[in-house]
Amino acid sequence: MNKFTTYIKIGVLDALEMRFQLLYWLYVNMAPIIMMTYLWSHLYAQKGEIGGYSLNMMVTYYLVTRLINRIISTYAEERIAKDIKEGRLNQYITRPIDYMTYKFGERLGIRAVNLIIVIPIYMILMLILREYLIFNFDSITIIFLSINFFLSLILFFFLAFMIGMMAFFMVETHALNGLKDQVINLMSGYLFPLTLLPEKLQEIFSYLPFTYFYNFPMEVYFQRLTTIQIYQGLGIQCVWIIVFYLIAQLIWQQGTKNYEGIGI
């Protein structure tokens, strides 16, 4: 536990060094939220609901999913790929450090600093857009969402870890990073609620891990799911965590053999 705490502290220090970059990205995220709010308000002027969502639900969905993104997204793949390509992985392999645990702890530290900066900004956004928002903070919903966020954080990390480790076998991983982002944006509900898609696609996506990043927690937030459906969703997340972990371990084992073999 002492080691893991140290890993988190390293992530905190790393994030503090990038605080100005973080503020820039927050500005980039804030502007579209306000713009999309007024866009949706014009679209809803002619319709009461779209895909089962009212205007207030849609604006709330768009804002909260951006906040969820700041909580669960780890984006560790580029750092991992750079460690491999630049030979920095040696310092972890030759020491009693579990690289996966180290990177996860580092990401938690970065997320912690991220949230300290993000939450006040989103509170300001909520004040600006309060007439469009739906607030639901009952204790049961918060508990379910907290569990979902933690599981999503692990899933997101494992996905990033696997893609980063493809640097063992590929010269560049940028294309994989871009593909991952596109898949998540489409299948997770980050761009729009999945209820706007055909029911067959919604059913298929419900068995994949991506929908549990954004669409599922928003369905929980709006209390559109039964307790059984929520437990089923959290159970599917747990299954995918096990699957991703096993795949990550397999890639790590094969990759480190290849890494040592080429003598970096």
C-alpha atoms as a PDB file:
ATOM      1  CA  MET A   1       0.000   0.000   0.000  1.00  0.00           C
ATOM      2  CA  ASN A   2       2.910   2.362   0.763  1.00  0.00           C
ATOM      3  CA  LYS A   3       4.261   1.770  -2.753  1.00  0.00           C
ATOM      4  CA  PHE A   4       0.860   2.407  -4.296  1.00  0.00           C
ATOM      5  CA  THR A   5       0.509   5.672  -2.343  1.00  0.00           C
ATOM      6  CA  THR A   6       3.894   6.718  -3.724  1.00  0.00           C
ATOM      7  CA  TYR A   7       2.706   5.968  -7.270  1.00  0.00           C
ATOM      8  CA  ILE A   8      -0.336   8.199  -6.701  1.00  0.00           C
ATOM      9  CA  LYS A   9       1.893  11.011  -5.387  1.00  0.00           C
ATOM     10  CA  ILE A  10       4.043  10.745  -8.533  1.00  0.00           C
ATOM     11  CA  GLY A  11       0.902  11.176 -10.620  1.00  0.00           C
ATOM     12  CA  VAL A  12      -0.124  14.218  -8.566  1.00  0.00           C
ATOM     13  CA  LEU A  13       3.255  15.887  -9.116  1.00  0.00           C
ATOM     14  CA  ASP A  14       3.135  15.026 -12.801  1.00  0.00           C
ATOM     15  CA  ALA A  15      -0.329  16.553 -13.152  1.00  0.00           C
ATOM     16  CA  LEU A  16       0.725  19.729 -11.335  1.00  0.00           C
ATOM     17  CA  GLU A  17       3.496  20.204 -13.896  1.00  0.00           C
ATOM     18  CA  MET A  18       0.853  20.076 -16.659  1.00  0.00           C
ATOM     19  CA  ARG A  19      -1.744  22.281 -14.935  1.00  0.00           C
ATOM     20  CA  PHE A  20      -1.638  25.009 -17.597  1.00  0.00           C
ATOM     21  CA  GLN A  21      -2.193  22.443 -20.339  1.00  0.00           C
ATOM     22  CA  LEU A  22      -5.085  21.053 -18.297  1.00  0.00           C
ATOM     23  CA  LEU A  23      -6.666  24.509 -17.985  1.00  0.00           C
ATOM     24  CA  TYR A  24      -6.394  24.919 -21.745  1.00  0.00           C
ATOM     25  CA  TRP A  25      -8.209  21.635 -22.384  1.00  0.00           C
ATOM     26  CA  LEU A  26     -10.878  22.586 -19.873  1.00  0.00           C
ATOM     27  CA  TYR A  27     -11.537  25.767 -21.833  1.00  0.00           C
ATOM     28  CA  VAL A  28     -11.721  23.720 -25.022  1.00  0.00           C
ATOM     29  CA  ASN A  29     -14.325  21.494 -23.339  1.00  0.00           C
ATOM     30  CA  MET A  30     -16.360  24.320 -21.771  1.00  0.00           C
ATOM     31  CA  ALA A  31     -17.072  26.272 -24.938  1.00  0.00           C
ATOM     32  CA  PRO A  32     -18.760  23.348 -26.774  1.00  0.00           C
ATOM     33  CA  ILE A  33     -20.954  22.610 -23.735  1.00  0.00           C
ATOM     34  CA  ILE A  34     -22.422  26.118 -23.755  1.00  0.00           C
ATOM     35  CA  MET A  35     -22.723  26.158 -27.534  1.00  0.00           C
ATOM     36  CA  MET A  36     -24.418  22.720 -27.636  1.00  0.00           C
ATOM     37  CA  THR A  37     -26.882  23.821 -24.950  1.00  0.00           C
ATOM     38  CA  TYR A  38     -28.189  26.620 -27.131  1.00  0.00           C
ATOM     39  CA  LEU A  39     -28.127  24.383 -30.206  1.00  0.00           C
ATOM     40  CA  TRP A  40     -30.287  21.781 -28.433  1.00  0.00           C
ATOM     41  CA  SER A  41     -32.649  24.496 -27.208  1.00  0.00           C
ATOM     42  CA  HIS A  42     -33.327  25.517 -30.813  1.00  0.00           C
ATOM     43  CA  LEU A  43     -33.774  21.904 -31.949  1.00  0.00           C
ATOM     44  CA  TYR A  44     -36.204  21.212 -29.108  1.00  0.00           C
ATOM     45  CA  ALA A  45     -38.256  24.313 -29.911  1.00  0.00           C
ATOM     46  CA  GLN A  46     -40.170  22.159 -32.412  1.00  0.00           C
ATOM     47  CA  LYS A  47     -40.183  18.855 -30.484  1.00  0.00           C
ATOM     48  CA  GLY A  48     -40.984  17.923 -26.906  1.00  0.00           C
ATOM     49  CA  GLU A  49     -38.713  14.863 -26.843  1.00  0.00           C
ATOM     50  CA  ILE A  50     -35.960  13.329 -28.956  1.00  0.00           C
ATOM     51  CA  GLY A  51     -35.145   9.673 -28.359  1.00  0.00           C
ATOM     52  CA  GLY A  52     -37.033   9.758 -25.074  1.00  0.00           C
ATOM     53  CA  TYR A  53     -34.996  12.730 -23.843  1.00  0.00           C
ATOM     54  CA  SER A  54     -36.411  16.146 -23.011  1.00  0.00           C
ATOM     55  CA  LEU A  55     -34.353  19.305 -23.524  1.00  0.00           C
ATOM     56  CA  ASN A  56     -33.355  19.402 -19.855  1.00  0.00           C
ATOM     57  CA  MET A  57     -32.326  15.747 -19.941  1.00  0.00           C
ATOM     58  CA  MET A  58     -30.272  16.235 -23.117  1.00  0.00           C
ATOM     59  CA  VAL A  59     -28.395  19.262 -21.756  1.00  0.00           C
ATOM     60  CA  THR A  60     -27.794  17.489 -18.456  1.00  0.00           C
ATOM     61  CA  TYR A  61     -26.606  14.415 -20.363  1.00  0.00           C
ATOM     62  CA  TYR A  62     -24.160  16.422 -22.447  1.00  0.00           C
ATOM     63  CA  LEU A  63     -22.682  18.295 -19.481  1.00  0.00           C
ATOM     64  CA  VAL A  64     -22.473  15.370 -17.050  1.00  0.00           C
ATOM     65  CA  THR A  65     -20.890  13.004 -19.588  1.00  0.00           C
ATOM     66  CA  ARG A  66     -18.107  15.567 -20.045  1.00  0.00           C
ATOM     67  CA  LEU A  67     -17.618  15.622 -16.290  1.00  0.00           C
ATOM     68  CA  ILE A  68     -17.602  11.809 -16.178  1.00  0.00           C
ATOM     69  CA  ASN A  69     -14.920  11.858 -18.874  1.00  0.00           C
ATOM     70  CA  ARG A  70     -12.694  13.925 -16.585  1.00  0.00           C
ATOM     71  CA  ILE A  71     -13.206  11.343 -13.832  1.00  0.00           C
ATOM     72  CA  ILE A  72     -12.688   8.045 -15.661  1.00  0.00           C
ATOM     73  CA  SER A  73     -10.481   8.771 -18.678  1.00  0.00           C
ATOM     74  CA  THR A  74      -6.867   7.794 -18.068  1.00  0.00           C
ATOM     75  CA  TYR A  75      -5.187   8.179 -21.466  1.00  0.00           C
ATOM     76  CA  ALA A  76      -2.067   6.362 -20.322  1.00  0.00           C
ATOM     77  CA  GLU A  77      -1.348   4.732 -23.688  1.00  0.00           C
ATOM     78  CA  GLU A  78       0.999   7.413 -25.048  1.00  0.00           C
ATOM     79  CA  ARG A  79       3.148   7.438 -21.919  1.00  0.00           C
ATOM     80  CA  ILE A  80       3.335   3.634 -21.906  1.00  0.00           C
ATOM     81  CA  ALA A  81       4.256   3.506 -25.596  1.00  0.00           C
ATOM     82  CA  LYS A  82       6.962   6.130 -25.004  1.00  0.00           C
ATOM     83  CA  ASP A  83       8.379   4.171 -22.064  1.00  0.00           C
ATOM     84  CA  ILE A  84       8.720   1.147 -24.340  1.00  0.00           C
ATOM     85  CA  LYS A  85      10.095   2.936 -27.420  1.00  0.00           C
ATOM     86  CA  GLU A  86      12.581   5.079 -25.483  1.00  0.00           C
ATOM     87  CA  GLY A  87      13.847   2.251 -23.288  1.00  0.00           C
ATOM     88  CA  ARG A  88      12.602   3.703 -19.990  1.00  0.00           C
ATOM     89  CA  LEU A  89      10.808   0.441 -19.254  1.00  0.00           C
ATOM     90  CA  ASN A  90      14.159  -0.992 -18.080  1.00  0.00           C
ATOM     91  CA  GLN A  91      13.956   0.897 -14.805  1.00  0.00           C
ATOM     92  CA  TYR A  92      10.672  -0.837 -13.980  1.00  0.00           C
ATOM     93  CA  ILE A  93      11.611  -4.322 -15.167  1.00  0.00           C
ATOM     94  CA  THR A  94      14.879  -4.351 -13.196  1.00  0.00           C
ATOM     95  CA  ARG A  95      13.257  -3.132  -9.961  1.00  0.00           C
ATOM     96  CA  PRO A  96      10.654  -4.731  -7.673  1.00  0.00           C
ATOM     97  CA  ILE A  97       7.924  -2.577  -9.249  1.00  0.00           C
ATOM     98  CA  ASP A  98       4.775  -3.894 -10.885  1.00  0.00           C
ATOM     99  CA  TYR A  99       4.535  -1.678 -13.955  1.00  0.00           C
ATOM    100  CA  MET A 100       0.763  -2.008 -14.343  1.00  0.00           C
ATOM    101  CA  THR A 101       0.162  -1.108 -10.688  1.00  0.00           C
ATOM    102  CA  TYR A 102       2.597   1.799 -10.955  1.00  0.00           C
ATOM    103  CA  LYS A 103       0.845   3.228 -14.003  1.00  0.00           C
ATOM    104  CA  PHE A 104      -2.592   2.817 -12.448  1.00  0.00           C
ATOM    105  CA  GLY A 105      -1.497   4.605  -9.271  1.00  0.00           C
ATOM    106  CA  GLU A 106       0.086   7.373 -11.342  1.00  0.00           C
ATOM    107  CA  ARG A 107      -3.172   7.820 -13.283  1.00  0.00           C
ATOM    108  CA  LEU A 108      -5.161   8.039 -10.026  1.00  0.00           C
ATOM    109  CA  GLY A 109      -2.895  10.856  -8.889  1.00  0.00           C
ATOM    110  CA  ILE A 110      -3.364  12.703 -12.173  1.00  0.00           C
ATOM    111  CA  ARG A 111      -7.147  12.224 -11.965  1.00  0.00           C
ATOM    112  CA  ALA A 112      -7.176  13.600  -8.399  1.00  0.00           C
ATOM    113  CA  VAL A 113      -5.475  16.844  -9.451  1.00  0.00           C
ATOM    114  CA  ASN A 114      -7.664  16.978 -12.539  1.00  0.00           C
ATOM    115  CA  LEU A 115     -10.815  16.850 -10.422  1.00  0.00           C
ATOM    116  CA  ILE A 116      -9.605  19.544  -8.023  1.00  0.00           C
ATOM    117  CA  ILE A 117      -9.331  21.884 -11.022  1.00  0.00           C
ATOM    118  CA  VAL A 118     -12.352  20.555 -12.922  1.00  0.00           C
ATOM    119  CA  ILE A 119     -15.063  20.539 -10.248  1.00  0.00           C
ATOM    120  CA  PRO A 120     -15.106  24.332  -9.590  1.00  0.00           C
ATOM    121  CA  ILE A 121     -15.262  24.984 -13.338  1.00  0.00           C
ATOM    122  CA  TYR A 122     -18.166  22.585 -13.783  1.00  0.00           C
ATOM    123  CA  MET A 123     -19.926  24.153 -10.824  1.00  0.00           C
ATOM    124  CA  ILE A 124     -19.710  27.489 -12.626  1.00  0.00           C
ATOM    125  CA  LEU A 125     -21.078  25.832 -15.766  1.00  0.00           C
ATOM    126  CA  MET A 126     -23.957  24.387 -13.754  1.00  0.00           C
ATOM    127  CA  LEU A 127     -24.798  27.829 -12.413  1.00  0.00           C
ATOM    128  CA  ILE A 128     -24.769  29.294 -15.916  1.00  0.00           C
ATOM    129  CA  LEU A 129     -26.956  26.501 -17.314  1.00  0.00           C
ATOM    130  CA  ARG A 130     -29.008  25.738 -14.188  1.00  0.00           C
ATOM    131  CA  GLU A 131     -32.351  26.404 -15.895  1.00  0.00           C
ATOM    132  CA  TYR A 132     -31.575  23.566 -18.332  1.00  0.00           C
ATOM    133  CA  LEU A 133     -30.278  21.011 -15.824  1.00  0.00           C
ATOM    134  CA  ILE A 134     -31.805  18.135 -13.871  1.00  0.00           C
ATOM    135  CA  PHE A 135     -30.284  17.482 -10.441  1.00  0.00           C
ATOM    136  CA  ASN A 136     -30.581  14.037  -8.897  1.00  0.00           C
ATOM    137  CA  PHE A 137     -28.351  13.355  -5.917  1.00  0.00           C
ATOM    138  CA  ASP A 138     -30.222  10.811  -3.799  1.00  0.00           C
ATOM    139  CA  SER A 139     -27.968   8.475  -1.812  1.00  0.00           C
ATOM    140  CA  ILE A 140     -28.764   5.253  -3.710  1.00  0.00           C
ATOM    141  CA  THR A 141     -28.036   6.859  -7.077  1.00  0.00           C
ATOM    142  CA  ILE A 142     -24.752   8.284  -5.781  1.00  0.00           C
ATOM    143  CA  ILE A 143     -23.681   4.861  -4.485  1.00  0.00           C
ATOM    144  CA  PHE A 144     -24.417   3.138  -7.803  1.00  0.00           C
ATOM    145  CA  LEU A 145     -22.697   5.905  -9.763  1.00  0.00           C
ATOM    146  CA  SER A 146     -19.624   5.782  -7.523  1.00  0.00           C
ATOM    147  CA  ILE A 147     -19.276   2.044  -8.106  1.00  0.00           C
ATOM    148  CA  ASN A 148     -19.765   2.537 -11.841  1.00  0.00           C
ATOM    149  CA  PHE A 149     -17.160   5.312 -12.002  1.00  0.00           C
ATOM    150  CA  PHE A 150     -14.560   3.206 -10.198  1.00  0.00           C
ATOM    151  CA  LEU A 151     -15.173   0.196 -12.451  1.00  0.00           C
ATOM    152  CA  SER A 152     -15.099   2.444 -15.533  1.00  0.00           C
ATOM    153  CA  LEU A 153     -11.804   3.958 -14.395  1.00  0.00           C
ATOM    154  CA  ILE A 154     -10.292   0.466 -14.206  1.00  0.00           C
ATOM    155  CA  LEU A 155     -11.751  -0.527 -17.592  1.00  0.00           C
ATOM    156  CA  PHE A 156     -10.528   2.657 -19.238  1.00  0.00           C
ATOM    157  CA  PHE A 157      -7.063   2.123 -17.792  1.00  0.00           C
ATOM    158  CA  PHE A 158      -6.803  -1.497 -18.938  1.00  0.00           C
ATOM    159  CA  LEU A 159      -7.873  -0.482 -22.447  1.00  0.00           C
ATOM    160  CA  ALA A 160      -5.257   2.274 -22.545  1.00  0.00           C
ATOM    161  CA  PHE A 161      -2.646  -0.088 -21.057  1.00  0.00           C
ATOM    162  CA  MET A 162      -3.256  -2.704 -23.754  1.00  0.00           C
ATOM    163  CA  ILE A 163      -3.000  -0.161 -26.557  1.00  0.00           C
ATOM    164  CA  GLY A 164       0.146   1.379 -25.074  1.00  0.00           C
ATOM    165  CA  MET A 165       1.791  -2.035 -24.872  1.00  0.00           C
ATOM    166  CA  MET A 166       1.238  -2.605 -28.575  1.00  0.00           C
ATOM    167  CA  ALA A 167       4.406  -0.507 -28.907  1.00  0.00           C
ATOM    168  CA  PHE A 168       6.191  -3.785 -28.144  1.00  0.00           C
ATOM    169  CA  PHE A 169       5.102  -5.013 -31.579  1.00  0.00           C
ATOM    170  CA  MET A 170       4.457  -1.825 -33.606  1.00  0.00           C
ATOM    171  CA  VAL A 171       6.587   1.171 -34.530  1.00  0.00           C
ATOM    172  CA  GLU A 172       3.710   3.617 -33.990  1.00  0.00           C
ATOM    173  CA  THR A 173       0.464   3.251 -32.016  1.00  0.00           C
ATOM    174  CA  HIS A 174      -1.187   6.564 -32.954  1.00  0.00           C
ATOM    175  CA  ALA A 175      -3.594   4.858 -35.356  1.00  0.00           C
ATOM    176  CA  LEU A 176      -4.724   2.487 -32.593  1.00  0.00           C
ATOM    177  CA  ASN A 177      -5.207   5.425 -30.228  1.00  0.00           C
ATOM    178  CA  GLY A 178      -7.381   7.173 -32.780  1.00  0.00           C
ATOM    179  CA  LEU A 179      -9.394   4.016 -33.456  1.00  0.00           C
ATOM    180  CA  LYS A 180      -9.948   3.534 -29.720  1.00  0.00           C
ATOM    181  CA  ASP A 181     -11.226   7.098 -29.353  1.00  0.00           C
ATOM    182  CA  GLN A 182     -13.603   6.708 -32.295  1.00  0.00           C
ATOM    183  CA  VAL A 183     -14.989   3.407 -31.000  1.00  0.00           C
ATOM    184  CA  ILE A 184     -15.527   4.810 -27.507  1.00  0.00           C
ATOM    185  CA  ASN A 185     -17.155   7.992 -28.807  1.00  0.00           C
ATOM    186  CA  LEU A 186     -19.597   6.025 -30.940  1.00  0.00           C
ATOM    187  CA  MET A 187     -20.417   3.065 -28.684  1.00  0.00           C
ATOM    188  CA  SER A 188     -20.236   4.645 -25.238  1.00  0.00           C
ATOM    189  CA  GLY A 189     -22.832   7.373 -25.599  1.00  0.00           C
ATOM    190  CA  TYR A 190     -20.260  10.143 -25.293  1.00  0.00           C
ATOM    191  CA  LEU A 191     -21.462  11.922 -28.426  1.00  0.00           C
ATOM    192  CA  PHE A 192     -25.188  11.365 -27.849  1.00  0.00           C
ATOM    193  CA  PRO A 193     -27.535   9.092 -25.847  1.00  0.00           C
ATOM    194  CA  LEU A 194     -27.618   5.600 -27.303  1.00  0.00           C
ATOM    195  CA  THR A 195     -31.433   5.714 -27.212  1.00  0.00           C
ATOM    196  CA  LEU A 196     -31.143   7.685 -30.458  1.00  0.00           C
ATOM    197  CA  LEU A 197     -29.834   4.519 -32.137  1.00  0.00           C
ATOM    198  CA  PRO A 198     -31.921   1.555 -33.376  1.00  0.00           C
ATOM    199  CA  GLU A 199     -32.932  -0.860 -30.610  1.00  0.00           C
ATOM    200  CA  LYS A 200     -30.881  -3.696 -32.121  1.00  0.00           C
ATOM    201  CA  LEU A 201     -27.705  -1.639 -31.916  1.00  0.00           C
ATOM    202  CA  GLN A 202     -28.540  -0.628 -28.350  1.00  0.00           C
ATOM    203  CA  GLU A 203     -28.881  -4.290 -27.413  1.00  0.00           C
ATOM    204  CA  ILE A 204     -25.545  -5.186 -29.035  1.00  0.00           C
ATOM    205  CA  PHE A 205     -23.769  -2.268 -27.345  1.00  0.00           C
ATOM    206  CA  SER A 206     -25.196  -3.300 -23.957  1.00  0.00           C
ATOM    207  CA  TYR A 207     -22.950  -6.390 -23.996  1.00  0.00           C
ATOM    208  CA  LEU A 208     -19.831  -4.371 -24.823  1.00  0.00           C
ATOM    209  CA  PRO A 209     -17.776  -2.481 -22.205  1.00  0.00           C
ATOM    210  CA  PHE A 210     -18.002   0.959 -23.803  1.00  0.00           C
ATOM    211  CA  THR A 211     -21.637   1.814 -23.037  1.00  0.00           C
ATOM    212  CA  TYR A 212     -20.834   1.616 -19.307  1.00  0.00           C
ATOM    213  CA  PHE A 213     -18.488   4.591 -19.570  1.00  0.00           C
ATOM    214  CA  TYR A 214     -21.189   7.201 -20.244  1.00  0.00           C
ATOM    215  CA  ASN A 215     -24.613   6.005 -21.393  1.00  0.00           C
ATOM    216  CA  PHE A 216     -25.167   3.543 -18.537  1.00  0.00           C
ATOM    217  CA  PRO A 217     -24.327   5.978 -15.691  1.00  0.00           C
ATOM    218  CA  MET A 218     -26.586   8.593 -17.257  1.00  0.00           C
ATOM    219  CA  GLU A 219     -29.447   6.088 -17.416  1.00  0.00           C
ATOM    220  CA  VAL A 220     -28.793   5.441 -13.718  1.00  0.00           C
ATOM    221  CA  TYR A 221     -28.688   9.181 -13.023  1.00  0.00           C
ATOM    222  CA  PHE A 222     -32.048   9.738 -14.718  1.00  0.00           C
ATOM    223  CA  GLN A 223     -33.461   6.696 -12.863  1.00  0.00           C
ATOM    224  CA  ARG A 224     -34.473   5.017 -16.112  1.00  0.00           C
ATOM    225  CA  LEU A 225     -33.199   1.594 -14.998  1.00  0.00           C
ATOM    226  CA  THR A 226     -34.510  -0.904 -12.480  1.00  0.00           C
ATOM    227  CA  THR A 227     -32.283  -2.069  -9.623  1.00  0.00           C
ATOM    228  CA  ILE A 228     -31.883  -5.453 -11.353  1.00  0.00           C
ATOM    229  CA  GLN A 229     -30.772  -3.754 -14.581  1.00  0.00           C
ATOM    230  CA  ILE A 230     -28.225  -1.708 -12.648  1.00  0.00           C
ATOM    231  CA  TYR A 231     -26.794  -4.817 -10.981  1.00  0.00           C
ATOM    232  CA  GLN A 232     -26.651  -6.533 -14.371  1.00  0.00           C
ATOM    233  CA  GLY A 233     -24.772  -3.585 -15.835  1.00  0.00           C
ATOM    234  CA  LEU A 234     -22.258  -3.498 -12.992  1.00  0.00           C
ATOM    235  CA  GLY A 235     -21.854  -7.272 -13.341  1.00  0.00           C
ATOM    236  CA  ILE A 236     -21.067  -6.940 -17.055  1.00  0.00           C
ATOM    237  CA  GLN A 237     -18.484  -4.298 -16.186  1.00  0.00           C
ATOM    238  CA  CYS A 238     -16.819  -6.673 -13.730  1.00  0.00           C
ATOM    239  CA  VAL A 239     -16.683  -9.416 -16.353  1.00  0.00           C
ATOM    240  CA  TRP A 240     -15.025  -7.065 -18.837  1.00  0.00           C
ATOM    241  CA  ILE A 241     -12.502  -5.976 -16.202  1.00  0.00           C
ATOM    242  CA  ILE A 242     -11.448  -9.610 -15.781  1.00  0.00           C
ATOM    243  CA  VAL A 243     -11.259 -10.097 -19.563  1.00  0.00           C
ATOM    244  CA  PHE A 244      -9.225  -6.916 -20.081  1.00  0.00           C
ATOM    245  CA  TYR A 245      -6.896  -7.790 -17.201  1.00  0.00           C
ATOM    246  CA  LEU A 246      -6.164 -11.245 -18.602  1.00  0.00           C
ATOM    247  CA  ILE A 247      -5.530  -9.833 -22.082  1.00  0.00           C
ATOM    248  CA  ALA A 248      -3.286  -7.115 -20.630  1.00  0.00           C
ATOM    249  CA  GLN A 249      -1.277  -9.710 -18.720  1.00  0.00           C
ATOM    250  CA  LEU A 250      -0.882 -11.830 -21.864  1.00  0.00           C
ATOM    251  CA  ILE A 251       0.313  -8.858 -23.937  1.00  0.00           C
ATOM    252  CA  TRP A 252       2.695  -7.840 -21.136  1.00  0.00           C
ATOM    253  CA  GLN A 253       4.222 -11.327 -20.924  1.00  0.00           C
ATOM    254  CA  GLN A 254       4.685 -11.627 -24.680  1.00  0.00           C
ATOM    255  CA  GLY A 255       5.797  -8.035 -25.025  1.00  0.00           C
ATOM    256  CA  THR A 256       8.489  -8.119 -22.348  1.00  0.00           C
ATOM    257  CA  LYS A 257       9.945 -11.223 -23.971  1.00  0.00           C
ATOM    258  CA  ASN A 258      10.136  -9.337 -27.243  1.00  0.00           C
ATOM    259  CA  TYR A 259      11.478  -6.241 -25.459  1.00  0.00           C
ATOM    260  CA  GLU A 260      14.284  -8.147 -23.753  1.00  0.00           C
ATOM    261  CA  GLY A 261      14.993 -10.082 -26.943  1.00  0.00           C
ATOM    262  CA  ILE A 262      15.765  -6.982 -29.018  1.00  0.00           C
ATOM    263  CA  GLY A 263      18.215  -5.794 -26.367  1.00  0.00           C
ATOM    264  CA  ILE A 264      16.846  -2.330 -25.636  1.00  0.00           C
END
